[in-house]
Amino acid sequence: MDQDTINAARTLATVRRYEAAGFRAWPAATVHYDGTWAVRLTAGLPAKRLNSVNPLDPSDVGRLPERIARAARRFDAYGRPLTFRMSPLAGAPLSTYFDVEGWTRFAESLVMCLDLAVAPVEGAIDQIPLKDIGRFISASMKVHESDPSLRPGLSEILGTIQPEIGLFALERGAEPLATLICVLDGDLAGLFEIATAREVRNQGHGRNLIRSALKWARLRGARQAWLQVEADNVPALRLYDTLGFGEVYRYHYRRPPQVAAQ
C-alpha cells in the first residue's frame, strides 16, 4: 500500500470519527439506512443536518436512480426537500452523478478542531452549565431569533442526546447575550448552536462563553474540541481561528434542480 493510499484511509477514518460524533451529538428523530446511506429526518426541526441523506462510504454508488427516488419518497412524506449532505465520505462518483444531473450545491461548511491541551482557557470564567433545559431553550431561541413553533422540536432533540451535554448561556440580568451547547463524547467535545444576540455582537460575549465551555470540557476529560461552521460566516471563522481552531474537512449540501436551496 503506497503512502497516498494510507493517507487517504487515515483521512476517511478521521472524517468517520467526527461524523459519528456529530450524529450522536445532534440526533435526528428517525434514521433509516439504505446501504451505507444514513437517511436522517426530523419532523420537529427543519435544520438540514437533521433532514438529509448522509452517504458514509465512497464506494457505495450502486442503483443510484432507484435509491435516490426511494429517499425522495421518505422526504416527501415528512414534507422536507430531498437533501444530500456531502462529506468526504460521499466520494467523487456520487458528486459527479449529481453534477451531471444538474443538482444544486450549496451551504459549504467546515469542520474545525482544537487540541484542548493548548486551548486559551486560562482566565476563562468557571461557568456551570444550566440544569434547567427550559430556561436554556428560551435563551437560545431568543439569541437565535427562532420561530417559537420550533421550541417543541428543539426540546425533543435535547432530550434525546445520549452523551453528556453542557448547556451554556451568558446572561445580563434576564437578557441572554450568548448561548451554546457542548456535547462530551469520549475525548471529544463538540460545540453546537453557538450564537450571540444581534444587538451585542462584536463585544466578546461569544468568545468568553466558548472559552468557558472549553475549560469545562477539559476539566471533564475532553482532549479535543470541534465544531461546524458555514464557510461564508466570516466573523465566526475569524473568531474560531483566533481561538486556535483549524480546519479538518468540509462538507456541503446537494438538492435536485427542481428543489430550491435554502
Protein backbone atom coordinates (compact mmCIF):
# COMPACT_ATOMS: atom_id res chain seq x y z
CA MET A 1 0.00 0.00 0.00
CA ASP A 2 1.52 3.33 -1.08
CA GLN A 3 1.67 6.41 1.11
CA ASP A 4 -1.12 8.24 -0.73
CA THR A 5 -3.48 5.32 -0.12
CA ILE A 6 -2.50 5.21 3.55
CA ASN A 7 -3.06 8.96 3.91
CA ALA A 8 -6.45 8.74 2.18
CA ALA A 9 -7.53 5.94 4.52
CA ARG A 10 -6.43 7.95 7.55
CA THR A 11 -8.36 10.98 6.32
CA LEU A 12 -11.55 8.98 5.87
CA ALA A 13 -11.10 7.41 9.31
CA THR A 14 -10.86 10.89 10.83
CA VAL A 15 -13.96 12.04 8.96
CA ARG A 16 -15.89 8.96 10.10
CA ARG A 17 -14.98 9.71 13.71
CA TYR A 18 -16.32 13.26 13.56
CA GLU A 19 -19.37 12.32 11.53
CA ALA A 20 -20.32 9.63 14.04
CA ALA A 21 -19.82 12.06 16.92
CA GLY A 22 -21.98 14.60 15.11
CA PHE A 23 -24.82 12.12 14.64
CA ARG A 24 -24.75 11.24 18.34
CA ALA A 25 -24.49 14.87 19.43
CA TRP A 26 -27.37 16.10 17.27
CA PRO A 27 -29.64 13.08 16.76
CA ALA A 28 -32.34 13.03 14.14
CA ALA A 29 -35.80 11.85 15.18
CA THR A 30 -35.66 8.97 12.70
CA VAL A 31 -32.77 7.32 10.87
CA HIS A 32 -33.15 4.84 8.04
CA TYR A 33 -30.28 3.11 6.24
CA ASP A 34 -30.15 2.38 2.53
CA GLY A 35 -26.87 0.54 2.19
CA THR A 36 -24.43 2.90 3.88
CA TRP A 37 -26.59 5.97 3.33
CA ALA A 38 -27.95 7.31 6.62
CA VAL A 39 -31.30 8.94 5.88
CA ARG A 40 -31.95 11.36 8.75
CA LEU A 41 -35.35 13.01 9.14
CA THR A 42 -36.86 15.15 11.89
CA ALA A 43 -40.43 16.43 11.76
CA GLY A 44 -39.98 18.96 14.57
CA LEU A 45 -36.99 20.90 13.22
CA PRO A 46 -36.15 21.90 9.63
CA ALA A 47 -32.34 22.00 10.04
CA LYS A 48 -30.55 20.46 7.05
CA ARG A 49 -28.24 18.31 9.17
CA LEU A 50 -31.34 16.75 10.76
CA ASN A 51 -33.06 16.27 7.41
CA SER A 52 -30.55 14.91 4.93
CA VAL A 53 -29.17 11.79 3.32
CA ASN A 54 -25.62 11.20 4.58
CA PRO A 55 -23.56 8.85 2.37
CA LEU A 56 -20.93 7.12 4.54
CA ASP A 57 -18.91 5.06 2.05
CA PRO A 58 -17.41 6.49 -1.18
CA SER A 59 -17.77 3.13 -2.94
CA ASP A 60 -21.50 2.73 -2.23
CA VAL A 61 -22.85 4.12 -5.52
CA GLY A 62 -24.93 1.28 -6.93
CA ARG A 63 -28.50 1.73 -8.25
CA LEU A 64 -28.42 5.48 -7.74
CA PRO A 65 -31.67 6.49 -9.52
CA GLU A 66 -33.65 3.84 -7.62
CA ARG A 67 -32.19 4.73 -4.22
CA ILE A 68 -32.50 8.47 -4.75
CA ALA A 69 -36.15 8.04 -5.69
CA ARG A 70 -36.70 5.96 -2.56
CA ALA A 71 -35.11 8.66 -0.42
CA ALA A 72 -37.21 11.31 -2.14
CA ARG A 73 -40.38 9.49 -1.13
CA ARG A 74 -39.27 9.47 2.51
CA PHE A 75 -38.53 13.20 2.43
CA ASP A 76 -41.83 13.93 0.73
CA ALA A 77 -43.66 12.06 3.49
CA TYR A 78 -42.04 14.41 6.02
CA GLY A 79 -42.70 17.49 3.92
CA ARG A 80 -38.97 18.07 3.54
CA PRO A 81 -36.99 18.85 0.36
CA LEU A 82 -34.73 15.99 -0.71
CA THR A 83 -31.25 16.95 0.53
CA PHE A 84 -27.92 15.14 0.48
CA ARG A 85 -25.17 16.12 2.91
CA MET A 86 -21.87 15.54 1.11
CA SER A 87 -18.89 14.96 3.39
CA PRO A 88 -15.68 13.35 2.05
CA LEU A 89 -17.39 10.02 2.82
CA ALA A 90 -19.79 10.64 -0.07
CA GLY A 91 -16.99 10.25 -2.61
CA ALA A 92 -16.31 11.65 -6.07
CA PRO A 93 -18.57 9.30 -8.12
CA LEU A 94 -21.74 10.47 -6.34
CA SER A 95 -20.69 14.11 -6.70
CA THR A 96 -20.08 13.58 -10.40
CA TYR A 97 -23.51 11.98 -10.78
CA PHE A 98 -25.17 15.00 -9.14
CA ASP A 99 -23.17 17.36 -11.36
CA VAL A 100 -24.35 15.57 -14.49
CA GLU A 101 -27.96 15.62 -13.25
CA GLY A 102 -27.76 19.36 -12.52
CA TRP A 103 -28.15 19.19 -8.75
CA THR A 104 -27.61 22.41 -6.81
CA ARG A 105 -24.60 22.64 -4.50
CA PHE A 106 -24.95 24.99 -1.52
CA ALA A 107 -24.12 25.75 2.14
CA GLU A 108 -20.50 24.62 2.23
CA SER A 109 -19.33 24.19 5.84
CA LEU A 110 -16.11 23.47 7.69
CA VAL A 111 -15.48 21.01 10.48
CA MET A 112 -12.79 22.51 12.73
CA CYS A 113 -10.95 21.15 15.75
CA LEU A 114 -8.77 22.37 18.61
CA ASP A 115 -6.36 20.50 20.87
CA LEU A 116 -7.65 21.31 24.36
CA ALA A 117 -4.15 20.97 25.81
CA VAL A 118 -3.31 24.29 24.14
CA ALA A 119 -6.78 25.88 24.25
CA PRO A 120 -6.80 29.51 25.50
CA VAL A 121 -8.80 28.83 28.67
CA GLU A 122 -6.55 30.49 31.26
CA GLY A 123 -8.59 33.20 32.91
CA ALA A 124 -11.85 31.91 31.44
CA ILE A 125 -14.85 32.17 33.76
CA ASP A 126 -15.67 28.95 35.60
CA GLN A 127 -19.24 28.73 34.37
CA ILE A 128 -21.56 25.93 35.43
CA PRO A 129 -23.88 24.71 32.65
CA LEU A 130 -27.59 25.32 33.12
CA LYS A 131 -29.62 22.45 34.56
CA ASP A 132 -32.93 23.99 33.54
CA ILE A 133 -33.45 22.87 29.93
CA GLY A 134 -36.49 25.10 29.54
CA ARG A 135 -34.52 28.16 30.59
CA PHE A 136 -31.74 27.31 28.16
CA ILE A 137 -34.15 26.76 25.29
CA SER A 138 -35.78 30.13 25.96
CA ALA A 139 -32.38 31.84 25.97
CA SER A 140 -31.15 30.01 22.87
CA MET A 141 -34.28 30.72 20.87
CA LYS A 142 -34.15 34.40 21.77
CA VAL A 143 -30.49 34.69 20.79
CA HIS A 144 -31.10 32.83 17.51
CA GLU A 145 -34.34 34.78 16.91
CA SER A 146 -36.03 31.42 16.27
CA ASP A 147 -39.66 30.84 15.40
CA PRO A 148 -41.50 29.91 18.64
CA SER A 149 -43.08 26.96 16.83
CA LEU A 150 -39.67 25.24 16.81
CA ARG A 151 -39.50 25.02 20.61
CA PRO A 152 -41.02 21.51 20.94
CA GLY A 153 -38.65 20.16 18.29
CA LEU A 154 -35.58 21.62 19.96
CA SER A 155 -36.73 20.32 23.33
CA GLU A 156 -37.16 16.84 21.86
CA ILE A 157 -33.70 16.85 20.30
CA LEU A 158 -32.02 17.96 23.54
CA GLY A 159 -33.89 15.26 25.42
CA THR A 160 -32.60 12.52 23.14
CA ILE A 161 -28.88 13.38 23.19
CA GLN A 162 -27.18 10.42 24.84
CA PRO A 163 -23.67 11.79 25.59
CA GLU A 164 -23.23 14.27 28.44
CA ILE A 165 -24.21 17.81 27.49
CA GLY A 166 -23.43 21.22 28.89
CA LEU A 167 -25.99 23.96 28.23
CA PHE A 168 -24.21 27.30 28.39
CA ALA A 169 -25.84 30.73 28.47
CA LEU A 170 -24.23 34.08 29.14
CA GLU A 171 -26.84 36.43 30.55
CA ARG A 172 -27.14 40.02 31.71
CA GLY A 173 -29.99 40.02 34.17
CA ALA A 174 -32.85 38.33 32.36
CA GLU A 175 -31.40 39.03 28.91
CA PRO A 176 -29.40 36.25 27.19
CA LEU A 177 -26.27 37.51 25.45
CA ALA A 178 -24.85 34.28 24.00
CA THR A 179 -25.63 30.56 24.10
CA LEU A 180 -24.05 27.28 23.05
CA ILE A 181 -24.29 23.55 23.63
CA CYS A 182 -21.23 21.45 24.47
CA VAL A 183 -21.56 17.69 23.94
CA LEU A 184 -18.97 15.42 25.57
CA ASP A 185 -18.40 12.19 23.63
CA GLY A 186 -15.38 10.29 24.93
CA ASP A 187 -12.40 12.59 24.49
CA LEU A 188 -14.27 14.82 22.03
CA ALA A 189 -16.15 17.99 22.98
CA GLY A 190 -18.50 19.19 20.26
CA LEU A 191 -19.72 22.79 20.27
CA PHE A 192 -23.15 23.35 18.73
CA GLU A 193 -25.68 26.15 18.23
CA ILE A 194 -23.14 28.88 19.06
CA ALA A 195 -24.76 32.29 18.77
CA THR A 196 -24.63 35.83 20.15
CA ALA A 197 -27.64 38.16 20.33
CA ARG A 198 -27.67 40.53 17.38
CA GLU A 199 -27.59 43.73 19.44
CA VAL A 200 -24.47 42.74 21.45
CA ARG A 201 -22.29 41.17 18.78
CA ASN A 202 -18.60 42.05 18.46
CA GLN A 203 -18.31 42.65 22.20
CA GLY A 204 -16.53 39.41 23.11
CA HIS A 205 -19.52 37.58 24.60
CA GLY A 206 -19.29 34.63 22.22
CA ARG A 207 -15.55 34.29 22.78
CA ASN A 208 -15.98 34.37 26.56
CA LEU A 209 -18.70 31.73 26.51
CA ILE A 210 -16.72 29.44 24.20
CA ARG A 211 -13.65 29.71 26.43
CA SER A 212 -15.74 28.82 29.49
CA ALA A 213 -17.20 25.80 27.69
CA LEU A 214 -13.74 24.67 26.57
CA LYS A 215 -12.47 24.98 30.13
CA TRP A 216 -15.40 22.95 31.44
CA ALA A 217 -14.89 20.27 28.78
CA ARG A 218 -11.17 19.98 29.51
CA LEU A 219 -11.81 19.61 33.24
CA ARG A 220 -14.19 16.77 32.42
CA GLY A 221 -11.55 14.88 30.45
CA ALA A 222 -12.09 16.02 26.86
CA ARG A 223 -8.90 16.27 24.83
CA GLN A 224 -10.17 17.82 21.62
CA ALA A 225 -12.90 20.32 20.82
CA TRP A 226 -14.64 20.52 17.47
CA LEU A 227 -17.38 22.47 15.74
CA GLN A 228 -19.08 23.07 12.40
CA VAL A 229 -19.39 26.46 10.72
CA GLU A 230 -20.63 27.64 7.34
CA ALA A 231 -17.81 28.68 5.02
CA ASP A 232 -19.31 32.12 4.36
CA ASN A 233 -19.64 33.02 8.05
CA VAL A 234 -16.57 35.23 8.07
CA PRO A 235 -16.95 36.68 11.61
CA ALA A 236 -17.31 33.19 13.13
CA LEU A 237 -14.36 31.83 11.14
CA ARG A 238 -12.24 34.75 12.31
CA LEU A 239 -13.22 34.07 15.93
CA TYR A 240 -12.54 30.33 15.75
CA ASP A 241 -9.19 30.96 14.06
CA THR A 242 -8.09 33.30 16.85
CA LEU A 243 -9.10 30.65 19.41
CA GLY A 244 -6.84 28.14 17.65
CA PHE A 245 -9.35 26.01 15.75
CA GLY A 246 -8.10 24.54 12.47
CA GLU A 247 -9.94 23.01 9.52
CA VAL A 248 -10.29 19.22 9.42
CA TYR A 249 -12.55 18.79 6.39
CA ARG A 250 -15.50 20.35 4.56
CA TYR A 251 -18.97 19.26 3.57
CA HIS A 252 -21.81 20.76 1.55
CA TYR A 253 -25.40 20.02 0.57
CA ARG A 254 -26.95 18.99 -2.75
CA ARG A 255 -30.56 19.19 -3.97
CA PRO A 256 -32.23 18.25 -7.25
CA PRO A 257 -32.52 21.07 -9.79
CA GLN A 258 -36.26 21.48 -9.23
CA VAL A 259 -35.78 21.98 -5.46
CA ALA A 260 -34.65 25.41 -4.26
CA ALA A 261 -31.61 25.67 -1.97
CA GLN A 262 -32.46 27.14 1.42
